[in-house]
PDB file of N, CA and C in Angstrom:
ATOM      1  N   MET A   1     -30.810  -2.357 -13.901  1.00  0.00           N
ATOM      2  CA  MET A   1     -31.511  -1.075 -14.193  1.00  0.00           C
ATOM      3  C   MET A   1     -31.962  -0.236 -12.908  1.00  0.00           C
ATOM      4  N   ARG A   2     -31.913   1.044 -12.925  1.00  0.00           N
ATOM      5  CA  ARG A   2     -32.652   1.914 -11.999  1.00  0.00           C
ATOM      6  C   ARG A   2     -33.164   2.928 -13.032  1.00  0.00           C
ATOM      7  N   ILE A   3     -34.417   3.580 -12.338  1.00  0.00           N
ATOM      8  CA  ILE A   3     -34.947   4.529 -12.979  1.00  0.00           C
ATOM      9  C   ILE A   3     -35.081   5.486 -11.740  1.00  0.00           C
ATOM     10  N   GLU A   4     -34.802   6.711 -12.168  1.00  0.00           N
ATOM     11  CA  GLU A   4     -34.856   8.135 -11.219  1.00  0.00           C
ATOM     12  C   GLU A   4     -35.316   8.954 -11.680  1.00  0.00           C
ATOM     13  N   LYS A   5     -36.261   9.731 -10.932  1.00  0.00           N
ATOM     14  CA  LYS A   5     -37.037  11.153 -11.188  1.00  0.00           C
ATOM     15  C   LYS A   5     -36.303  12.077 -11.379  1.00  0.00           C
ATOM     16  N   LEU A   6     -36.199  13.220 -12.458  1.00  0.00           N
ATOM     17  CA  LEU A   6     -35.675  14.374 -12.414  1.00  0.00           C
ATOM     18  C   LEU A   6     -36.230  15.214 -11.594  1.00  0.00           C
ATOM     19  N   SER A   7     -37.633  15.290 -11.444  1.00  0.00           N
ATOM     20  CA  SER A   7     -38.248  16.266 -10.597  1.00  0.00           C
ATOM     21  C   SER A   7     -37.719  15.903  -9.103  1.00  0.00           C
ATOM     22  N   ASP A   8     -37.342  14.696  -8.631  1.00  0.00           N
ATOM     23  CA  ASP A   8     -36.926  14.823  -7.457  1.00  0.00           C
ATOM     24  C   ASP A   8     -35.747  15.304  -7.068  1.00  0.00           C
ATOM     25  N   LYS A   9     -34.887  15.576  -8.171  1.00  0.00           N
ATOM     26  CA  LYS A   9     -33.519  16.269  -8.018  1.00  0.00           C
ATOM     27  C   LYS A   9     -33.465  17.615  -8.066  1.00  0.00           C
ATOM     28  N   MET A  10     -34.595  18.042  -8.258  1.00  0.00           N
ATOM     29  CA  MET A  10     -34.775  19.327  -8.733  1.00  0.00           C
ATOM     30  C   MET A  10     -35.130  20.445  -7.583  1.00  0.00           C
ATOM     31  N   VAL A  11     -34.095  20.474  -6.638  1.00  0.00           N
ATOM     32  CA  VAL A  11     -33.988  21.044  -5.367  1.00  0.00           C
ATOM     33  C   VAL A  11     -33.207  22.454  -5.236  1.00  0.00           C
ATOM     34  N   TYR A  12     -34.095  23.599  -4.824  1.00  0.00           N
ATOM     35  CA  TYR A  12     -33.361  24.942  -5.112  1.00  0.00           C
ATOM     36  C   TYR A  12     -32.919  25.466  -3.400  1.00  0.00           C
ATOM     37  N   MET A  13     -31.961  26.071  -3.255  1.00  0.00           N
ATOM     38  CA  MET A  13     -31.968  26.790  -1.928  1.00  0.00           C
ATOM     39  C   MET A  13     -31.550  28.224  -2.380  1.00  0.00           C
ATOM     40  N   ASP A  14     -32.052  29.098  -1.412  1.00  0.00           N
ATOM     41  CA  ASP A  14     -31.826  30.358  -1.958  1.00  0.00           C
ATOM     42  C   ASP A  14     -30.617  30.672  -1.420  1.00  0.00           C
ATOM     43  N   ASN A  15     -29.626  30.192  -0.567  1.00  0.00           N
ATOM     44  CA  ASN A  15     -28.498  30.655  -0.166  1.00  0.00           C
ATOM     45  C   ASN A  15     -27.066  29.870  -1.221  1.00  0.00           C
ATOM     46  N   THR A  16     -27.429  28.867  -1.653  1.00  0.00           N
ATOM     47  CA  THR A  16     -26.459  28.278  -2.654  1.00  0.00           C
ATOM     48  C   THR A  16     -27.021  27.188  -3.466  1.00  0.00           C
ATOM     49  N   LEU A  17     -26.261  27.123  -4.258  1.00  0.00           N
ATOM     50  CA  LEU A  17     -26.859  26.144  -5.776  1.00  0.00           C
ATOM     51  C   LEU A  17     -26.853  24.662  -5.042  1.00  0.00           C
ATOM     52  N   THR A  18     -27.430  23.953  -5.851  1.00  0.00           N
ATOM     53  CA  THR A  18     -27.555  22.130  -5.440  1.00  0.00           C
ATOM     54  C   THR A  18     -27.163  21.282  -6.127  1.00  0.00           C
ATOM     55  N   LYS A  19     -26.549  20.100  -5.800  1.00  0.00           N
ATOM     56  CA  LYS A  19     -26.220  19.341  -6.783  1.00  0.00           C
ATOM     57  C   LYS A  19     -26.570  18.045  -6.213  1.00  0.00           C
ATOM     58  N   ARG A  20     -27.651  17.195  -7.083  1.00  0.00           N
ATOM     59  CA  ARG A  20     -28.472  16.195  -6.695  1.00  0.00           C
ATOM     60  C   ARG A  20     -27.666  15.029  -7.854  1.00  0.00           C
ATOM     61  N   ILE A  21     -26.979  14.023  -7.113  1.00  0.00           N
ATOM     62  CA  ILE A  21     -26.233  12.994  -7.936  1.00  0.00           C
ATOM     63  C   ILE A  21     -27.470  11.840  -8.397  1.00  0.00           C
ATOM     64  N   LEU A  22     -27.679  11.364  -9.688  1.00  0.00           N
ATOM     65  CA  LEU A  22     -28.467  10.432 -10.000  1.00  0.00           C
ATOM     66  C   LEU A  22     -27.702   9.110  -9.984  1.00  0.00           C
ATOM     67  N   TYR A  23     -26.627   9.011 -10.677  1.00  0.00           N
ATOM     68  CA  TYR A  23     -25.792   7.886 -11.340  1.00  0.00           C
ATOM     69  C   TYR A  23     -24.151   8.166 -10.755  1.00  0.00           C
ATOM     70  N   ASN A  24     -23.891   7.503  -9.831  1.00  0.00           N
ATOM     71  CA  ASN A  24     -22.347   7.305  -9.533  1.00  0.00           C
ATOM     72  C   ASN A  24     -21.736   5.831  -9.697  1.00  0.00           C
ATOM     73  N   GLU A  25     -21.310   5.744 -11.034  1.00  0.00           N
ATOM     74  CA  GLU A  25     -21.126   4.184 -11.648  1.00  0.00           C
ATOM     75  C   GLU A  25     -19.424   4.439 -11.617  1.00  0.00           C
ATOM     76  N   LYS A  26     -19.149   3.426 -11.974  1.00  0.00           N
ATOM     77  CA  LYS A  26     -17.528   3.089 -12.159  1.00  0.00           C
ATOM     78  C   LYS A  26     -16.996   3.890 -13.604  1.00  0.00           C
ATOM     79  N   ARG A  27     -17.959   3.942 -14.570  1.00  0.00           N
ATOM     80  CA  ARG A  27     -17.596   4.755 -15.790  1.00  0.00           C
ATOM     81  C   ARG A  27     -18.115   6.010 -16.248  1.00  0.00           C
ATOM     82  N   ILE A  28     -19.046   6.455 -15.112  1.00  0.00           N
ATOM     83  CA  ILE A  28     -19.748   7.801 -15.692  1.00  0.00           C
ATOM     84  C   ILE A  28     -20.585   8.066 -14.118  1.00  0.00           C
ATOM     85  N   LEU A  29     -20.783   9.647 -13.911  1.00  0.00           N
ATOM     86  CA  LEU A  29     -21.075  10.386 -12.795  1.00  0.00           C
ATOM     87  C   LEU A  29     -22.153  11.265 -13.563  1.00  0.00           C
ATOM     88  N   ASN A  30     -23.142  11.289 -12.976  1.00  0.00           N
ATOM     89  CA  ASN A  30     -24.329  11.800 -13.596  1.00  0.00           C
ATOM     90  C   ASN A  30     -25.195  12.727 -12.409  1.00  0.00           C
ATOM     91  N   PHE A  31     -25.593  14.010 -12.488  1.00  0.00           N
ATOM     92  CA  PHE A  31     -26.172  14.772 -11.451  1.00  0.00           C
ATOM     93  C   PHE A  31     -27.004  15.803 -11.895  1.00  0.00           C
ATOM     94  N   VAL A  32     -27.857  16.242 -11.555  1.00  0.00           N
ATOM     95  CA  VAL A  32     -28.380  17.680 -11.448  1.00  0.00           C
ATOM     96  C   VAL A  32     -28.203  18.791 -10.824  1.00  0.00           C
ATOM     97  N   LEU A  33     -27.622  20.009 -11.593  1.00  0.00           N
ATOM     98  CA  LEU A  33     -27.387  21.230 -10.686  1.00  0.00           C
ATOM     99  C   LEU A  33     -28.349  22.246 -10.675  1.00  0.00           C
ATOM    100  N   ASN A  34     -28.859  22.776  -9.717  1.00  0.00           N
ATOM    101  CA  ASN A  34     -29.953  23.613  -9.563  1.00  0.00           C
ATOM    102  C   ASN A  34     -29.478  25.076  -9.245  1.00  0.00           C
ATOM    103  N   PHE A  35     -30.153  25.842 -10.038  1.00  0.00           N
ATOM    104  CA  PHE A  35     -29.389  27.371  -9.723  1.00  0.00           C
ATOM    105  C   PHE A  35     -30.765  28.239  -9.556  1.00  0.00           C
ATOM    106  N   ARG A  36     -31.168  29.037  -8.387  1.00  0.00           N
ATOM    107  CA  ARG A  36     -31.681  30.131  -8.310  1.00  0.00           C
ATOM    108  C   ARG A  36     -31.068  31.607  -8.996  1.00  0.00           C
ATOM    109  N   PRO A  37     -31.740  32.217  -9.665  1.00  0.00           N
ATOM    110  CA  PRO A  37     -31.269  33.206 -10.420  1.00  0.00           C
ATOM    111  C   PRO A  37     -29.849  33.913  -9.528  1.00  0.00           C
ATOM    112  N   GLY A  38     -29.059  34.155 -10.442  1.00  0.00           N
ATOM    113  CA  GLY A  38     -27.795  34.929 -10.066  1.00  0.00           C
ATOM    114  C   GLY A  38     -26.617  33.656  -9.493  1.00  0.00           C
ATOM    115  N   GLN A  39     -27.251  32.662  -9.215  1.00  0.00           N
ATOM    116  CA  GLN A  39     -26.321  31.583  -8.730  1.00  0.00           C
ATOM    117  C   GLN A  39     -25.679  30.976  -9.911  1.00  0.00           C
ATOM    118  N   GLY A  40     -24.311  30.140  -9.736  1.00  0.00           N
ATOM    119  CA  GLY A  40     -23.545  29.481 -10.611  1.00  0.00           C
ATOM    120  C   GLY A  40     -22.226  29.051 -10.405  1.00  0.00           C
ATOM    121  N   VAL A  41     -21.550  28.101 -11.073  1.00  0.00           N
ATOM    122  CA  VAL A  41     -20.255  27.794 -10.566  1.00  0.00           C
ATOM    123  C   VAL A  41     -19.160  28.357 -11.089  1.00  0.00           C
ATOM    124  N   PRO A  42     -18.209  28.397 -10.669  1.00  0.00           N
ATOM    125  CA  PRO A  42     -17.079  29.528 -10.903  1.00  0.00           C
ATOM    126  C   PRO A  42     -16.144  28.367 -12.132  1.00  0.00           C
ATOM    127  N   PRO A  43     -15.512  29.324 -12.855  1.00  0.00           N
ATOM    128  CA  PRO A  43     -14.707  28.449 -13.836  1.00  0.00           C
ATOM    129  C   PRO A  43     -13.715  27.288 -13.285  1.00  0.00           C
ATOM    130  N   HIS A  44     -13.874  26.305 -14.109  1.00  0.00           N
ATOM    131  CA  HIS A  44     -12.984  24.749 -13.687  1.00  0.00           C
ATOM    132  C   HIS A  44     -13.022  24.048 -15.016  1.00  0.00           C
ATOM    133  N   ASN A  45     -12.284  22.856 -14.922  1.00  0.00           N
ATOM    134  CA  ASN A  45     -12.351  21.930 -16.198  1.00  0.00           C
ATOM    135  C   ASN A  45     -12.602  20.499 -15.081  1.00  0.00           C
ATOM    136  N   HIS A  46     -12.545  19.572 -15.897  1.00  0.00           N
ATOM    137  CA  HIS A  46     -12.813  18.172 -15.007  1.00  0.00           C
ATOM    138  C   HIS A  46     -11.720  17.111 -15.884  1.00  0.00           C
ATOM    139  N   GLU A  47     -10.407  17.803 -15.830  1.00  0.00           N
ATOM    140  CA  GLU A  47      -9.293  17.022 -16.243  1.00  0.00           C
ATOM    141  C   GLU A  47      -9.659  15.910 -17.485  1.00  0.00           C
ATOM    142  N   ASP A  48      -9.617  14.806 -17.301  1.00  0.00           N
ATOM    143  CA  ASP A  48      -9.830  13.596 -18.051  1.00  0.00           C
ATOM    144  C   ASP A  48     -11.126  13.227 -18.428  1.00  0.00           C
ATOM    145  N   SER A  49     -12.170  14.163 -17.831  1.00  0.00           N
ATOM    146  CA  SER A  49     -13.229  13.697 -18.286  1.00  0.00           C
ATOM    147  C   SER A  49     -14.077  14.719 -18.913  1.00  0.00           C
ATOM    148  N   ASP A  50     -14.984  14.175 -20.088  1.00  0.00           N
ATOM    149  CA  ASP A  50     -15.688  15.071 -20.962  1.00  0.00           C
ATOM    150  C   ASP A  50     -17.015  14.993 -20.341  1.00  0.00           C
ATOM    151  N   LEU A  51     -17.823  16.245 -20.435  1.00  0.00           N
ATOM    152  CA  LEU A  51     -18.831  16.938 -19.809  1.00  0.00           C
ATOM    153  C   LEU A  51     -19.950  17.354 -21.053  1.00  0.00           C
ATOM    154  N   ILE A  52     -20.915  16.883 -20.350  1.00  0.00           N
ATOM    155  CA  ILE A  52     -22.479  17.066 -21.205  1.00  0.00           C
ATOM    156  C   ILE A  52     -23.333  17.687 -20.241  1.00  0.00           C
ATOM    157  N   VAL A  53     -23.862  18.719 -20.749  1.00  0.00           N
ATOM    158  CA  VAL A  53     -24.929  19.386 -19.950  1.00  0.00           C
ATOM    159  C   VAL A  53     -26.026  19.587 -21.016  1.00  0.00           C
ATOM    160  N   LEU A  54     -27.022  19.223 -19.987  1.00  0.00           N
ATOM    161  CA  LEU A  54     -28.603  19.473 -20.948  1.00  0.00           C
ATOM    162  C   LEU A  54     -29.443  20.453 -20.080  1.00  0.00           C
ATOM    163  N   VAL A  55     -29.582  21.549 -20.266  1.00  0.00           N
ATOM    164  CA  VAL A  55     -30.300  22.664 -19.778  1.00  0.00           C
ATOM    165  C   VAL A  55     -31.871  22.031 -19.644  1.00  0.00           C
ATOM    166  N   ILE A  56     -32.155  21.573 -18.266  1.00  0.00           N
ATOM    167  CA  ILE A  56     -33.597  21.302 -18.458  1.00  0.00           C
ATOM    168  C   ILE A  56     -34.608  22.402 -18.452  1.00  0.00           C
ATOM    169  N   THR A  57     -34.331  23.423 -17.487  1.00  0.00           N
ATOM    170  CA  THR A  57     -35.047  24.395 -17.403  1.00  0.00           C
ATOM    171  C   THR A  57     -34.462  25.652 -17.196  1.00  0.00           C
ATOM    172  N   GLY A  58     -34.895  26.846 -17.582  1.00  0.00           N
ATOM    173  CA  GLY A  58     -34.524  28.118 -17.266  1.00  0.00           C
ATOM    174  C   GLY A  58     -33.279  28.806 -18.201  1.00  0.00           C
ATOM    175  N   GLU A  59     -32.431  29.566 -17.957  1.00  0.00           N
ATOM    176  CA  GLU A  59     -31.658  30.194 -19.022  1.00  0.00           C
ATOM    177  C   GLU A  59     -30.256  30.827 -18.124  1.00  0.00           C
ATOM    178  N   GLY A  60     -29.125  30.671 -18.773  1.00  0.00           N
ATOM    179  CA  GLY A  60     -28.355  31.618 -18.311  1.00  0.00           C
ATOM    180  C   GLY A  60     -26.925  31.527 -19.317  1.00  0.00           C
ATOM    181  N   GLU A  61     -26.082  31.749 -18.585  1.00  0.00           N
ATOM    182  CA  GLU A  61     -24.953  31.639 -19.644  1.00  0.00           C
ATOM    183  C   GLU A  61     -23.677  30.922 -19.262  1.00  0.00           C
ATOM    184  N   MET A  62     -23.214  30.424 -20.149  1.00  0.00           N
ATOM    185  CA  MET A  62     -22.300  29.368 -20.022  1.00  0.00           C
ATOM    186  C   MET A  62     -20.587  29.942 -20.750  1.00  0.00           C
ATOM    187  N   THR A  63     -19.794  30.014 -19.956  1.00  0.00           N
ATOM    188  CA  THR A  63     -18.550  30.587 -20.484  1.00  0.00           C
ATOM    189  C   THR A  63     -17.708  29.277 -20.535  1.00  0.00           C
ATOM    190  N   VAL A  64     -17.092  29.154 -22.003  1.00  0.00           N
ATOM    191  CA  VAL A  64     -16.073  27.987 -22.242  1.00  0.00           C
ATOM    192  C   VAL A  64     -14.969  28.488 -22.816  1.00  0.00           C
ATOM    193  N   ASP A  65     -13.633  28.367 -22.115  1.00  0.00           N
ATOM    194  CA  ASP A  65     -12.383  28.733 -22.529  1.00  0.00           C
ATOM    195  C   ASP A  65     -12.483  30.527 -22.909  1.00  0.00           C
ATOM    196  N   GLY A  66     -13.412  31.303 -22.067  1.00  0.00           N
ATOM    197  CA  GLY A  66     -13.287  32.642 -22.246  1.00  0.00           C
ATOM    198  C   GLY A  66     -14.637  32.969 -22.966  1.00  0.00           C
ATOM    199  N   ALA A  67     -15.339  32.108 -24.043  1.00  0.00           N
ATOM    200  CA  ALA A  67     -16.331  32.547 -24.936  1.00  0.00           C
ATOM    201  C   ALA A  67     -17.399  32.300 -23.921  1.00  0.00           C
ATOM    202  N   VAL A  68     -18.570  33.481 -24.235  1.00  0.00           N
ATOM    203  CA  VAL A  68     -19.544  33.720 -23.419  1.00  0.00           C
ATOM    204  C   VAL A  68     -20.955  33.090 -24.248  1.00  0.00           C
ATOM    205  N   HIS A  69     -21.360  32.220 -23.878  1.00  0.00           N
ATOM    206  CA  HIS A  69     -22.729  31.631 -24.756  1.00  0.00           C
ATOM    207  C   HIS A  69     -23.764  31.527 -23.820  1.00  0.00           C
ATOM    208  N   LYS A  70     -24.998  32.321 -24.600  1.00  0.00           N
ATOM    209  CA  LYS A  70     -26.227  31.909 -23.906  1.00  0.00           C
ATOM    210  C   LYS A  70     -26.856  30.780 -24.131  1.00  0.00           C
ATOM    211  N   VAL A  71     -27.302  30.271 -22.844  1.00  0.00           N
ATOM    212  CA  VAL A  71     -27.737  28.793 -22.901  1.00  0.00           C
ATOM    213  C   VAL A  71     -29.604  28.960 -22.401  1.00  0.00           C
ATOM    214  N   SER A  72     -30.241  27.942 -22.908  1.00  0.00           N
ATOM    215  CA  SER A  72     -31.758  27.932 -22.244  1.00  0.00           C
ATOM    216  C   SER A  72     -32.202  26.567 -22.469  1.00  0.00           C
ATOM    217  N   GLU A  73     -33.587  26.336 -21.989  1.00  0.00           N
ATOM    218  CA  GLU A  73     -34.170  25.128 -21.863  1.00  0.00           C
ATOM    219  C   GLU A  73     -33.800  24.285 -23.213  1.00  0.00           C
ATOM    220  N   GLY A  74     -33.562  22.949 -23.154  1.00  0.00           N
ATOM    221  CA  GLY A  74     -33.313  22.293 -24.392  1.00  0.00           C
ATOM    222  C   GLY A  74     -31.843  22.401 -24.900  1.00  0.00           C
ATOM    223  N   ASP A  75     -31.085  23.052 -24.594  1.00  0.00           N
ATOM    224  CA  ASP A  75     -29.978  23.178 -25.221  1.00  0.00           C
ATOM    225  C   ASP A  75     -28.941  22.133 -24.435  1.00  0.00           C
ATOM    226  N   VAL A  76     -27.911  21.651 -25.623  1.00  0.00           N
ATOM    227  CA  VAL A  76     -27.006  20.312 -24.701  1.00  0.00           C
ATOM    228  C   VAL A  76     -25.945  20.780 -25.490  1.00  0.00           C
ATOM    229  N   ILE A  77     -24.996  21.170 -24.301  1.00  0.00           N
ATOM    230  CA  ILE A  77     -23.388  21.392 -24.222  1.00  0.00           C
ATOM    231  C   ILE A  77     -22.114  20.338 -24.200  1.00  0.00           C
ATOM    232  N   TYR A  78     -21.645  20.253 -25.241  1.00  0.00           N
ATOM    233  CA  TYR A  78     -20.208  19.282 -24.786  1.00  0.00           C
ATOM    234  C   TYR A  78     -19.167  19.896 -24.655  1.00  0.00           C
ATOM    235  N   CYS A  79     -18.435  19.728 -23.609  1.00  0.00           N
ATOM    236  CA  CYS A  79     -16.943  20.163 -23.472  1.00  0.00           C
ATOM    237  C   CYS A  79     -16.013  19.166 -23.225  1.00  0.00           C
ATOM    238  N   THR A  80     -15.006  19.158 -23.681  1.00  0.00           N
ATOM    239  CA  THR A  80     -14.049  18.201 -23.344  1.00  0.00           C
ATOM    240  C   THR A  80     -13.300  18.587 -21.873  1.00  0.00           C
ATOM    241  N   GLY A  81     -12.690  17.614 -21.409  1.00  0.00           N
ATOM    242  CA  GLY A  81     -12.238  17.699 -19.904  1.00  0.00           C
ATOM    243  C   GLY A  81     -11.182  18.709 -19.910  1.00  0.00           C
ATOM    244  N   ASN A  82     -10.360  19.159 -20.915  1.00  0.00           N
ATOM    245  CA  ASN A  82      -9.412  20.412 -20.279  1.00  0.00           C
ATOM    246  C   ASN A  82     -10.085  21.574 -20.857  1.00  0.00           C
ATOM    247  N   GLU A  83     -11.346  21.901 -21.471  1.00  0.00           N
ATOM    248  CA  GLU A  83     -11.763  23.332 -21.492  1.00  0.00           C
ATOM    249  C   GLU A  83     -11.941  23.729 -20.286  1.00  0.00           C
ATOM    250  N   VAL A  84     -12.276  24.933 -19.845  1.00  0.00           N
ATOM    251  CA  VAL A  84     -12.165  25.552 -18.606  1.00  0.00           C
ATOM    252  C   VAL A  84     -13.600  26.137 -18.840  1.00  0.00           C
ATOM    253  N   PHE A  85     -14.914  25.974 -18.115  1.00  0.00           N
ATOM    254  CA  PHE A  85     -16.131  26.260 -18.165  1.00  0.00           C
ATOM    255  C   PHE A  85     -16.718  26.915 -16.942  1.00  0.00           C
ATOM    256  N   SER A  86     -17.794  27.830 -16.972  1.00  0.00           N
ATOM    257  CA  SER A  86     -18.598  27.829 -15.815  1.00  0.00           C
ATOM    258  C   SER A  86     -19.911  28.190 -16.319  1.00  0.00           C
ATOM    259  N   ILE A  87     -20.999  28.037 -15.379  1.00  0.00           N
ATOM    260  CA  ILE A  87     -22.276  28.505 -15.872  1.00  0.00           C
ATOM    261  C   ILE A  87     -22.970  29.106 -14.765  1.00  0.00           C
ATOM    262  N   THR A  88     -23.620  30.111 -15.265  1.00  0.00           N
ATOM    263  CA  THR A  88     -24.479  31.207 -14.070  1.00  0.00           C
ATOM    264  C   THR A  88     -26.149  31.316 -14.530  1.00  0.00           C
ATOM    265  N   ASN A  89     -27.034  31.147 -13.799  1.00  0.00           N
ATOM    266  CA  ASN A  89     -28.124  31.554 -14.266  1.00  0.00           C
ATOM    267  C   ASN A  89     -28.387  32.828 -14.120  1.00  0.00           C
ATOM    268  N   THR A  90     -28.673  33.364 -15.488  1.00  0.00           N
ATOM    269  CA  THR A  90     -28.804  35.042 -15.442  1.00  0.00           C
ATOM    270  C   THR A  90     -30.322  35.307 -15.947  1.00  0.00           C
ATOM    271  N   GLY A  91     -31.082  34.428 -15.811  1.00  0.00           N
ATOM    272  CA  GLY A  91     -32.722  34.517 -15.856  1.00  0.00           C
ATOM    273  C   GLY A  91     -33.177  34.853 -14.688  1.00  0.00           C
ATOM    274  N   GLN A  92     -34.657  35.124 -14.861  1.00  0.00           N
ATOM    275  CA  GLN A  92     -35.656  35.666 -13.884  1.00  0.00           C
ATOM    276  C   GLN A  92     -36.025  34.315 -12.981  1.00  0.00           C
ATOM    277  N   ARG A  93     -35.952  32.850 -13.551  1.00  0.00           N
ATOM    278  CA  ARG A  93     -36.630  31.772 -12.993  1.00  0.00           C
ATOM    279  C   ARG A  93     -35.602  30.841 -12.441  1.00  0.00           C
ATOM    280  N   ASP A  94     -35.810  29.794 -11.885  1.00  0.00           N
ATOM    281  CA  ASP A  94     -34.896  28.870 -11.400  1.00  0.00           C
ATOM    282  C   ASP A  94     -34.298  28.007 -12.445  1.00  0.00           C
ATOM    283  N   MET A  95     -33.288  27.608 -12.441  1.00  0.00           N
ATOM    284  CA  MET A  95     -32.502  27.161 -13.798  1.00  0.00           C
ATOM    285  C   MET A  95     -31.992  25.600 -13.237  1.00  0.00           C
ATOM    286  N   SER A  96     -32.062  24.577 -13.967  1.00  0.00           N
ATOM    287  CA  SER A  96     -31.541  23.184 -13.639  1.00  0.00           C
ATOM    288  C   SER A  96     -30.891  22.618 -15.023  1.00  0.00           C
ATOM    289  N   CYS A  97     -29.946  21.846 -14.661  1.00  0.00           N
ATOM    290  CA  CYS A  97     -29.023  21.068 -15.658  1.00  0.00           C
ATOM    291  C   CYS A  97     -28.846  19.853 -15.505  1.00  0.00           C
ATOM    292  N   PHE A  98     -28.990  18.916 -16.170  1.00  0.00           N
ATOM    293  CA  PHE A  98     -28.746  17.546 -16.172  1.00  0.00           C
ATOM    294  C   PHE A  98     -27.433  17.354 -16.700  1.00  0.00           C
ATOM    295  N   VAL A  99     -26.273  17.243 -15.849  1.00  0.00           N
ATOM    296  CA  VAL A  99     -24.827  16.919 -15.886  1.00  0.00           C
ATOM    297  C   VAL A  99     -24.380  15.622 -16.291  1.00  0.00           C
ATOM    298  N   VAL A 100     -23.547  14.923 -17.318  1.00  0.00           N
ATOM    299  CA  VAL A 100     -23.158  13.905 -17.268  1.00  0.00           C
ATOM    300  C   VAL A 100     -21.489  14.001 -17.668  1.00  0.00           C
ATOM    301  N   LEU A 101     -20.548  13.224 -16.603  1.00  0.00           N
ATOM    302  CA  LEU A 101     -19.033  13.475 -16.670  1.00  0.00           C
ATOM    303  C   LEU A 101     -18.700  11.726 -17.193  1.00  0.00           C
ATOM    304  N   SER A 102     -17.726  11.976 -18.311  1.00  0.00           N
ATOM    305  CA  SER A 102     -17.351  10.433 -18.301  1.00  0.00           C
ATOM    306  C   SER A 102     -15.962  10.440 -18.907  1.00  0.00           C
ATOM    307  N   PRO A 103     -15.127   9.927 -18.405  1.00  0.00           N
ATOM    308  CA  PRO A 103     -15.353   8.638 -17.251  1.00  0.00           C
ATOM    309  C   PRO A 103     -15.521   9.541 -15.777  1.00  0.00           C
ATOM    310  N   ASN A 104     -16.092   8.630 -14.974  1.00  0.00           N
ATOM    311  CA  ASN A 104     -16.113   8.969 -13.800  1.00  0.00           C
ATOM    312  C   ASN A 104     -14.798   9.833 -13.172  1.00  0.00           C
ATOM    313  N   PRO A 105     -14.921  11.003 -12.904  1.00  0.00           N
ATOM    314  CA  PRO A 105     -13.752  11.615 -12.372  1.00  0.00           C
ATOM    315  C   PRO A 105     -13.229  11.454 -10.995  1.00  0.00           C
ATOM    316  N   SER A 106     -12.218  12.208 -10.637  1.00  0.00           N
ATOM    317  CA  SER A 106     -11.810  12.029  -9.194  1.00  0.00           C
ATOM    318  C   SER A 106     -13.086  12.366  -8.056  1.00  0.00           C
ATOM    319  N   PRO A 107     -12.642  11.574  -7.141  1.00  0.00           N
ATOM    320  CA  PRO A 107     -13.837  11.683  -5.758  1.00  0.00           C
ATOM    321  C   PRO A 107     -14.234  13.171  -5.276  1.00  0.00           C
ATOM    322  N   VAL A 108     -13.253  14.023  -5.623  1.00  0.00           N
ATOM    323  CA  VAL A 108     -14.023  15.510  -5.129  1.00  0.00           C
ATOM    324  C   VAL A 108     -15.274  15.972  -5.696  1.00  0.00           C
ATOM    325  N   TYR A 109     -15.516  15.305  -6.783  1.00  0.00           N
ATOM    326  CA  TYR A 109     -16.695  15.559  -7.805  1.00  0.00           C
ATOM    327  C   TYR A 109     -17.811  14.885  -7.078  1.00  0.00           C
ATOM    328  N   LEU A 110     -17.766  13.924  -6.170  1.00  0.00           N
ATOM    329  CA  LEU A 110     -18.812  13.070  -5.876  1.00  0.00           C
ATOM    330  C   LEU A 110     -19.701  13.619  -4.584  1.00  0.00           C
ATOM    331  N   LYS A 111     -19.516  14.345  -4.171  1.00  0.00           N
ATOM    332  CA  LYS A 111     -20.582  14.916  -3.053  1.00  0.00           C
ATOM    333  C   LYS A 111     -21.673  16.076  -3.515  1.00  0.00           C
ATOM    334  N   GLU A 112     -22.441  15.547  -2.996  1.00  0.00           N
ATOM    335  CA  GLU A 112     -23.963  16.358  -3.103  1.00  0.00           C
ATOM    336  C   GLU A 112     -23.540  17.700  -2.553  1.00  0.00           C
ATOM    337  N   ILE A 113     -24.396  18.866  -2.754  1.00  0.00           N
ATOM    338  CA  ILE A 113     -24.200  19.972  -2.343  1.00  0.00           C
ATOM    339  C   ILE A 113     -25.812  20.529  -1.944  1.00  0.00           C
TER     340      ILE A 113
END
């Protein structure tokens, strides 16, 4: 068993989003994405890995297969691996998202930013 503190992973930078890994295990990858207002991730998918995103704090827009959805603190989003999504902090304060990918995808996603 391991216990991690989400607050330790909520790190913001003015010049780029941050990604802080919590768990990188054989069957699951979990990390926190942190965005200043205006920051986001471009459209992409995760092949064979399903995605769960919990908005911890802040608000923004998540686009899934071209449809734009407003998301805010407490929202939980599920996407299949083939759905193309992006997320952008459109609010006035910092935004953090708790992300789970399963099964653990290719090594390209394993790097912290």
